[in-house]
C-alpha atoms as a PDB file:
ATOM      1  CA  MET A   1      86.628  95.738 116.337  1.00  0.00           C
ATOM      2  CA  SER A   2      86.135  98.817 114.103  1.00  0.00           C
ATOM      3  CA  THR A   3      85.195 101.044 117.218  1.00  0.00           C
ATOM      4  CA  ARG A   4      88.185  99.641 119.201  1.00  0.00           C
ATOM      5  CA  LEU A   5      90.476 100.281 116.270  1.00  0.00           C
ATOM      6  CA  LEU A   6      89.315 103.711 115.896  1.00  0.00           C
ATOM      7  CA  SER A   7      89.406 104.431 119.350  1.00  0.00           C
ATOM      8  CA  THR A   8      93.095 103.574 119.503  1.00  0.00           C
ATOM      9  CA  LEU A   9      93.979 105.635 116.396  1.00  0.00           C
ATOM     10  CA  ALA A  10      92.315 108.586 117.919  1.00  0.00           C
ATOM     11  CA  ARG A  11      94.611 108.172 121.179  1.00  0.00           C
ATOM     12  CA  LEU A  12      97.602 107.817 118.785  1.00  0.00           C
ATOM     13  CA  LEU A  13      96.781 110.953 116.500  1.00  0.00           C
ATOM     14  CA  PRO A  14      98.596 114.254 117.352  1.00  0.00           C
ATOM     15  CA  GLY A  15      97.563 117.378 118.705  1.00  0.00           C
ATOM     16  CA  ASP A  16      94.203 118.543 117.321  1.00  0.00           C
ATOM     17  CA  ASP A  17      93.681 115.491 115.075  1.00  0.00           C
ATOM     18  CA  ARG A  18      92.381 113.555 118.197  1.00  0.00           C
ATOM     19  CA  VAL A  19      89.558 115.439 117.918  1.00  0.00           C
ATOM     20  CA  TRP A  20      88.826 114.509 114.394  1.00  0.00           C
ATOM     21  CA  GLY A  21      89.434 110.737 115.471  1.00  0.00           C
ATOM     22  CA  GLU A  22      86.885 111.203 118.221  1.00  0.00           C
ATOM     23  CA  ALA A  23      84.419 112.545 115.646  1.00  0.00           C
ATOM     24  CA  LEU A  24      85.193 109.792 113.056  1.00  0.00           C
ATOM     25  CA  LEU A  25      84.669 107.299 116.033  1.00  0.00           C
ATOM     26  CA  ALA A  26      81.139 108.858 116.634  1.00  0.00           C
ATOM     27  CA  GLU A  27      80.271 108.876 113.042  1.00  0.00           C
ATOM     28  CA  LEU A  28      81.084 105.144 113.343  1.00  0.00           C
ATOM     29  CA  ASP A  29      78.303 104.541 115.577  1.00  0.00           C
ATOM     30  CA  HIS A  30      75.856 105.364 113.132  1.00  0.00           C
ATOM     31  CA  VAL A  31      76.953 103.444 110.179  1.00  0.00           C
ATOM     32  CA  PRO A  32      74.976 100.227 109.691  1.00  0.00           C
ATOM     33  CA  PRO A  33      77.160  97.103 110.192  1.00  0.00           C
ATOM     34  CA  ARG A  34      76.580  95.833 106.697  1.00  0.00           C
ATOM     35  CA  LEU A  35      78.475  99.031 105.323  1.00  0.00           C
ATOM     36  CA  ARG A  36      81.149  99.557 107.733  1.00  0.00           C
ATOM     37  CA  PHE A  37      83.631  97.764 105.378  1.00  0.00           C
ATOM     38  CA  ARG A  38      82.861 100.129 102.507  1.00  0.00           C
ATOM     39  CA  TRP A  39      82.940 102.719 105.074  1.00  0.00           C
ATOM     40  CA  MET A  40      86.561 101.593 106.172  1.00  0.00           C
ATOM     41  CA  LEU A  41      87.859 101.821 102.670  1.00  0.00           C
ATOM     42  CA  GLY A  42      86.427 105.180 102.213  1.00  0.00           C
ATOM     43  CA  VAL A  43      88.069 106.520 105.399  1.00  0.00           C
ATOM     44  CA  LEU A  44      91.497 105.272 104.212  1.00  0.00           C
ATOM     45  CA  PRO A  45      92.582 108.464 102.384  1.00  0.00           C
ATOM     46  CA  LEU A  46      91.409 110.816 105.210  1.00  0.00           C
ATOM     47  CA  ILE A  47      93.442 108.960 107.612  1.00  0.00           C
ATOM     48  CA  ALA A  48      96.653 108.948 105.329  1.00  0.00           C
ATOM     49  CA  ALA A  49      96.071 112.806 105.019  1.00  0.00           C
ATOM     50  CA  ARG A  50      96.120 113.354 108.619  1.00  0.00           C
ATOM     51  CA  LEU A  51      99.275 111.001 108.883  1.00  0.00           C
ATOM     52  CA  ARG A  52     100.858 113.652 106.683  1.00  0.00           C
ATOM     53  CA  ARG A  53     100.941 116.166 109.967  1.00  0.00           C
ATOM     54  CA  ALA A  54     102.762 113.747 112.302  1.00  0.00           C
ATOM     55  CA  PRO A  55     106.307 114.879 113.369  1.00  0.00           C
ATOM     56  CA  ARG A  56     109.359 113.739 112.061  1.00  0.00           C
ATOM     57  CA  SER A  57     110.161 111.465 114.953  1.00  0.00           C
ATOM     58  CA  ASP A  58     106.758 109.447 114.413  1.00  0.00           C
ATOM     59  CA  VAL A  59     108.064 106.880 111.828  1.00  0.00           C
ATOM     60  CA  LEU A  60     106.967 104.212 113.952  1.00  0.00           C
ATOM     61  CA  ARG A  61     103.323 105.752 114.914  1.00  0.00           C
ATOM     62  CA  VAL A  62     102.846 106.318 111.271  1.00  0.00           C
ATOM     63  CA  GLY A  63     103.599 102.868 110.498  1.00  0.00           C
ATOM     64  CA  ALA A  64     101.705 101.422 113.178  1.00  0.00           C
ATOM     65  CA  CYS A  65      98.628 103.469 112.420  1.00  0.00           C
ATOM     66  CA  ALA A  66      98.788 102.524 108.848  1.00  0.00           C
ATOM     67  CA  GLY A  67      98.976  98.830 109.694  1.00  0.00           C
ATOM     68  CA  LEU A  68      95.995  99.039 112.289  1.00  0.00           C
ATOM     69  CA  VAL A  69      93.733 100.495 109.556  1.00  0.00           C
ATOM     70  CA  SER A  70      94.973  98.353 106.865  1.00  0.00           C
ATOM     71  CA  GLY A  71      94.780  95.306 109.135  1.00  0.00           C
ATOM     72  CA  ALA A  72      91.339  96.137 109.973  1.00  0.00           C
ATOM     73  CA  VAL A  73      90.445  96.355 106.404  1.00  0.00           C
ATOM     74  CA  LEU A  74      91.836  92.588 105.707  1.00  0.00           C
ATOM     75  CA  SER A  75      90.168  91.674 108.855  1.00  0.00           C
ATOM     76  CA  ALA A  76      86.768  92.573 107.831  1.00  0.00           C
ATOM     77  CA  ASP A  77      87.241  90.982 104.568  1.00  0.00           C
ATOM     78  CA  ILE A  78      88.527  87.581 106.362  1.00  0.00           C
ATOM     79  CA  ALA A  79      85.328  87.789 108.641  1.00  0.00           C
ATOM     80  CA  TYR A  80      83.094  88.141 105.692  1.00  0.00           C
ATOM     81  CA  THR A  81      84.653  85.549 103.695  1.00  0.00           C
ATOM     82  CA  ASN A  82      84.369  83.038 106.820  1.00  0.00           C
ATOM     83  CA  LEU A  83      80.933  84.090 108.554  1.00  0.00           C
ATOM     84  CA  GLY A  84      79.159  85.623 105.494  1.00  0.00           C
ATOM     85  CA  PRO A  85      76.406  84.201 103.506  1.00  0.00           C
ATOM     86  CA  GLY A  86      78.756  82.345 101.295  1.00  0.00           C
ATOM     87  CA  SER A  87      80.929  80.961 104.148  1.00  0.00           C
ATOM     88  CA  SER A  88      80.343  77.271 103.638  1.00  0.00           C
ATOM     89  CA  HIS A  89      81.856  77.723 100.070  1.00  0.00           C
ATOM     90  CA  PRO A  90      84.263  80.600 100.189  1.00  0.00           C
ATOM     91  CA  GLY A  91      85.436  80.108  96.715  1.00  0.00           C
ATOM     92  CA  SER A  92      82.159  80.959  95.257  1.00  0.00           C
ATOM     93  CA  ASP A  93      82.182  84.287  96.662  1.00  0.00           C
ATOM     94  CA  PRO A  94      82.866  87.477  94.393  1.00  0.00           C
ATOM     95  CA  LEU A  95      86.731  88.557  94.222  1.00  0.00           C
ATOM     96  CA  ALA A  96      86.052  92.025  93.748  1.00  0.00           C
ATOM     97  CA  PRO A  97      85.691  93.105  97.740  1.00  0.00           C
ATOM     98  CA  THR A  98      88.951  90.914  98.439  1.00  0.00           C
ATOM     99  CA  LEU A  99      90.880  92.455  95.661  1.00  0.00           C
ATOM    100  CA  ALA A 100      89.692  96.161  96.532  1.00  0.00           C
ATOM    101  CA  ALA A 101      90.693  95.156 100.259  1.00  0.00           C
ATOM    102  CA  TYR A 102      94.420  94.104  99.115  1.00  0.00           C
ATOM    103  CA  ALA A 103      94.613  96.923  96.660  1.00  0.00           C
ATOM    104  CA  ALA A 104      93.769  99.618  99.594  1.00  0.00           C
ATOM    105  CA  VAL A 105      96.272  97.897 101.710  1.00  0.00           C
ATOM    106  CA  PHE A 106      99.242  98.237  99.017  1.00  0.00           C
ATOM    107  CA  LEU A 107      97.794 101.937  98.446  1.00  0.00           C
ATOM    108  CA  MET A 108      98.231 102.509 101.995  1.00  0.00           C
ATOM    109  CA  LEU A 109     101.705 100.984 102.149  1.00  0.00           C
ATOM    110  CA  VAL A 110     102.953 103.350  99.370  1.00  0.00           C
ATOM    111  CA  VAL A 111     101.209 106.506 100.878  1.00  0.00           C
ATOM    112  CA  VAL A 112     103.236 105.757 103.994  1.00  0.00           C
ATOM    113  CA  GLY A 113     106.304 105.860 102.259  1.00  0.00           C
ATOM    114  CA  PHE A 114     105.350 108.994 100.349  1.00  0.00           C
ATOM    115  CA  VAL A 115     103.993 110.699 104.000  1.00  0.00           C
ATOM    116  CA  ILE A 116     107.680 109.826 105.721  1.00  0.00           C
ATOM    117  CA  ARG A 117     109.782 110.959 102.746  1.00  0.00           C
ATOM    118  CA  GLY A 118     107.352 114.316 102.815  1.00  0.00           C
ATOM    119  CA  ARG A 119     108.486 114.632 106.277  1.00  0.00           C
ATOM    120  CA  GLY A 120     112.214 115.022 105.001  1.00  0.00           C
ATOM    121  CA  ARG A 121     113.319 111.616 106.119  1.00  0.00           C
ATOM    122  CA  PRO A 122     115.421 109.548 103.825  1.00  0.00           C
ATOM    123  CA  LEU A 123     114.347 106.511 101.672  1.00  0.00           C
ATOM    124  CA  ALA A 124     115.568 104.064 104.367  1.00  0.00           C
ATOM    125  CA  ALA A 125     112.932 105.766 106.912  1.00  0.00           C
ATOM    126  CA  SER A 126     110.007 105.234 104.406  1.00  0.00           C
ATOM    127  CA  ALA A 127     110.827 101.590 103.498  1.00  0.00           C
ATOM    128  CA  GLY A 128     111.171 101.034 107.635  1.00  0.00           C
ATOM    129  CA  ALA A 129     107.929 102.455 108.269  1.00  0.00           C
ATOM    130  CA  ALA A 130     105.900 100.564 105.812  1.00  0.00           C
ATOM    131  CA  ALA A 131     107.840  97.547 107.188  1.00  0.00           C
ATOM    132  CA  VAL A 132     106.285  98.300 110.526  1.00  0.00           C
ATOM    133  CA  SER A 133     102.852  98.553 109.034  1.00  0.00           C
ATOM    134  CA  ALA A 134     103.395  95.065 107.352  1.00  0.00           C
ATOM    135  CA  VAL A 135     104.315  93.610 110.737  1.00  0.00           C
ATOM    136  CA  VAL A 136     101.212  95.362 112.428  1.00  0.00           C
ATOM    137  CA  ILE A 137      98.942  94.161 109.501  1.00  0.00           C
ATOM    138  CA  LEU A 138      99.946  90.627 109.759  1.00  0.00           C
ATOM    139  CA  ALA A 139      99.517  90.542 113.741  1.00  0.00           C
ATOM    140  CA  VAL A 140      96.129  92.139 113.287  1.00  0.00           C
ATOM    141  CA  VAL A 141      95.114  89.496 110.737  1.00  0.00           C
ATOM    142  CA  ALA A 142      96.504  86.623 112.726  1.00  0.00           C
ATOM    143  CA  VAL A 143      94.598  87.801 115.720  1.00  0.00           C
ATOM    144  CA  THR A 144      91.331  88.095 113.767  1.00  0.00           C
ATOM    145  CA  THR A 145      91.859  84.737 112.465  1.00  0.00           C
ATOM    146  CA  VAL A 146      92.490  83.120 115.543  1.00  0.00           C
ATOM    147  CA  VAL A 147      89.254  84.535 116.880  1.00  0.00           C
ATOM    148  CA  VAL A 148      87.188  83.345 113.853  1.00  0.00           C
ATOM    149  CA  ASP A 149      88.652  80.118 113.654  1.00  0.00           C
ATOM    150  CA  ASN A 150      88.191  79.301 117.178  1.00  0.00           C
ATOM    151  CA  VAL A 151      85.079  81.201 118.069  1.00  0.00           C
ATOM    152  CA  TRP A 152      83.165  80.275 115.102  1.00  0.00           C
ATOM    153  CA  LEU A 153      84.812  76.726 114.752  1.00  0.00           C
ATOM    154  CA  PRO A 154      81.585  74.731 113.773  1.00  0.00           C
ATOM    155  CA  VAL A 155      81.071  77.485 110.785  1.00  0.00           C
ATOM    156  CA  VAL A 156      84.621  77.222 109.505  1.00  0.00           C
ATOM    157  CA  ALA A 157      84.796  73.468 109.837  1.00  0.00           C
ATOM    158  CA  ARG A 158      82.267  73.090 107.385  1.00  0.00           C
ATOM    159  CA  GLN A 159      84.367  74.552 104.433  1.00  0.00           C
ATOM    160  CA  PRO A 160      85.327  72.144 101.743  1.00  0.00           C
ATOM    161  CA  ASP A 161      89.159  73.478 101.827  1.00  0.00           C
ATOM    162  CA  LYS A 162      89.385  72.996 105.520  1.00  0.00           C
ATOM    163  CA  ILE A 163      87.801  69.375 105.557  1.00  0.00           C
ATOM    164  CA  SER A 164      90.113  68.412 102.682  1.00  0.00           C
ATOM    165  CA  GLY A 165      93.367  70.197 104.454  1.00  0.00           C
ATOM    166  CA  LEU A 166      92.696  68.025 107.724  1.00  0.00           C
ATOM    167  CA  ALA A 167      91.722  64.953 105.424  1.00  0.00           C
ATOM    168  CA  HIS A 168      95.416  65.066 103.691  1.00  0.00           C
ATOM    169  CA  SER A 169      97.338  66.321 107.043  1.00  0.00           C
ATOM    170  CA  LEU A 170      99.890  63.883 108.552  1.00  0.00           C
ATOM    171  CA  LEU A 171     100.164  65.557 111.720  1.00  0.00           C
ATOM    172  CA  PHE A 172      96.828  66.674 112.829  1.00  0.00           C
ATOM    173  CA  HIS A 173      93.611  64.738 112.996  1.00  0.00           C
ATOM    174  CA  ASN A 174      91.625  67.594 115.035  1.00  0.00           C
ATOM    175  CA  MET A 175      90.297  70.668 113.107  1.00  0.00           C
ATOM    176  CA  ARG A 176      91.214  73.062 116.025  1.00  0.00           C
ATOM    177  CA  ALA A 177      94.734  72.143 116.180  1.00  0.00           C
ATOM    178  CA  TYR A 178      95.013  72.245 112.398  1.00  0.00           C
ATOM    179  CA  LEU A 179      93.716  75.723 111.967  1.00  0.00           C
ATOM    180  CA  ASN A 180      95.648  77.296 114.873  1.00  0.00           C
ATOM    181  CA  ALA A 181      98.980  75.538 113.502  1.00  0.00           C
ATOM    182  CA  HIS A 182      98.616  77.106 109.989  1.00  0.00           C
ATOM    183  CA  ILE A 183      97.967  80.335 111.369  1.00  0.00           C
ATOM    184  CA  VAL A 184     101.191  80.226 113.405  1.00  0.00           C
ATOM    185  CA  LEU A 185     103.224  78.597 110.572  1.00  0.00           C
ATOM    186  CA  GLY A 186     101.814  81.220 107.953  1.00  0.00           C
ATOM    187  CA  LEU A 187     102.695  84.091 110.262  1.00  0.00           C
ATOM    188  CA  ILE A 188     106.359  82.811 110.618  1.00  0.00           C
ATOM    189  CA  PHE A 189     106.610  82.504 107.072  1.00  0.00           C
ATOM    190  CA  SER A 190     104.791  85.599 105.833  1.00  0.00           C
ATOM    191  CA  LEU A 191     106.717  88.077 108.326  1.00  0.00           C
ATOM    192  CA  PRO A 192     109.991  88.365 106.731  1.00  0.00           C
ATOM    193  CA  PHE A 193     108.033  88.176 102.979  1.00  0.00           C
ATOM    194  CA  GLY A 194     105.505  90.822 103.899  1.00  0.00           C
ATOM    195  CA  ALA A 195     108.150  93.055 105.606  1.00  0.00           C
ATOM    196  CA  ALA A 196     110.208  93.082 102.413  1.00  0.00           C
ATOM    197  CA  LEU A 197     107.451  93.607 100.079  1.00  0.00           C
ATOM    198  CA  ALA A 198     105.977  96.441 102.239  1.00  0.00           C
ATOM    199  CA  ALA A 199     109.318  97.989 102.496  1.00  0.00           C
ATOM    200  CA  LEU A 200     109.432  98.102  98.487  1.00  0.00           C
ATOM    201  CA  CYS A 201     105.999  99.647  98.524  1.00  0.00           C
ATOM    202  CA  GLY A 202     107.130 102.230 100.878  1.00  0.00           C
ATOM    203  CA  THR A 203     110.286 102.929  99.118  1.00  0.00           C
ATOM    204  CA  ALA A 204     108.140 103.316  95.836  1.00  0.00           C
ATOM    205  CA  GLY A 205     105.982 105.892  97.417  1.00  0.00           C
ATOM    206  CA  ALA A 206     109.047 107.776  98.909  1.00  0.00           C
ATOM    207  CA  LEU A 207     110.693 107.805  95.094  1.00  0.00           C
ATOM    208  CA  VAL A 208     107.258 109.332  93.658  1.00  0.00           C
ATOM    209  CA  ARG A 209     107.363 111.767  96.393  1.00  0.00           C
ATOM    210  CA  ARG A 210     111.224 112.696  95.722  1.00  0.00           C
ATOM    211  CA  ARG A 211     110.292 113.075  91.987  1.00  0.00           C
ATOM    212  CA  GLY A 212     107.897 115.934  92.912  1.00  0.00           C
ATOM    213  CA  GLU A 213     110.623 117.734  94.976  1.00  0.00           C
ATOM    214  CA  VAL A 214     111.945 120.987  94.017  1.00  0.00           C
ATOM    215  CA  PRO A 215     115.875 120.834  94.145  1.00  0.00           C
ATOM    216  CA  SER A 216     117.168 123.333  96.507  1.00  0.00           C
END
């Protein structure tokens, strides 16, 4: 998943930055699988710096690229939580990696607003780019959850919270249907809230950038 994501980013980056993206992709091949989550967190500020070079018309591209990277970070956390050593009791896993993943995502949304404002765009453009990031993030997370829950259903179905949820469900008596329905409902309800929250983060980043601007 990380390889495919970085390959997409390398094609999206403008100009000479594509060469840098390809070099980053080659570096990923030498990162041990157990260290790739930490490596992705370390790459976030580097990608943010490259995004600052995007032309003014690339608001959607900046938002989409940031969303893909942030979605990959959250997807790695979802995969580890559901398939890692403590997958049978997810609540017993340390919270630090999950908190770090979400902190990195919120930071990326603020950086998106900062970058777009730095290209001379209005506050609305910064908010819009961050909202685009949120939509992409939620889409990536939803796809990851669908894959994890369906491909590794025997593992996920042993988790106490999933067993309890299905037992108390009035509509579903099948674990696969129960999990997939919750993914769809979660995506529907989280899209407007996530986009609004991301827009606020993007606006915050733009305001930080504006405070540092020299009045003409």
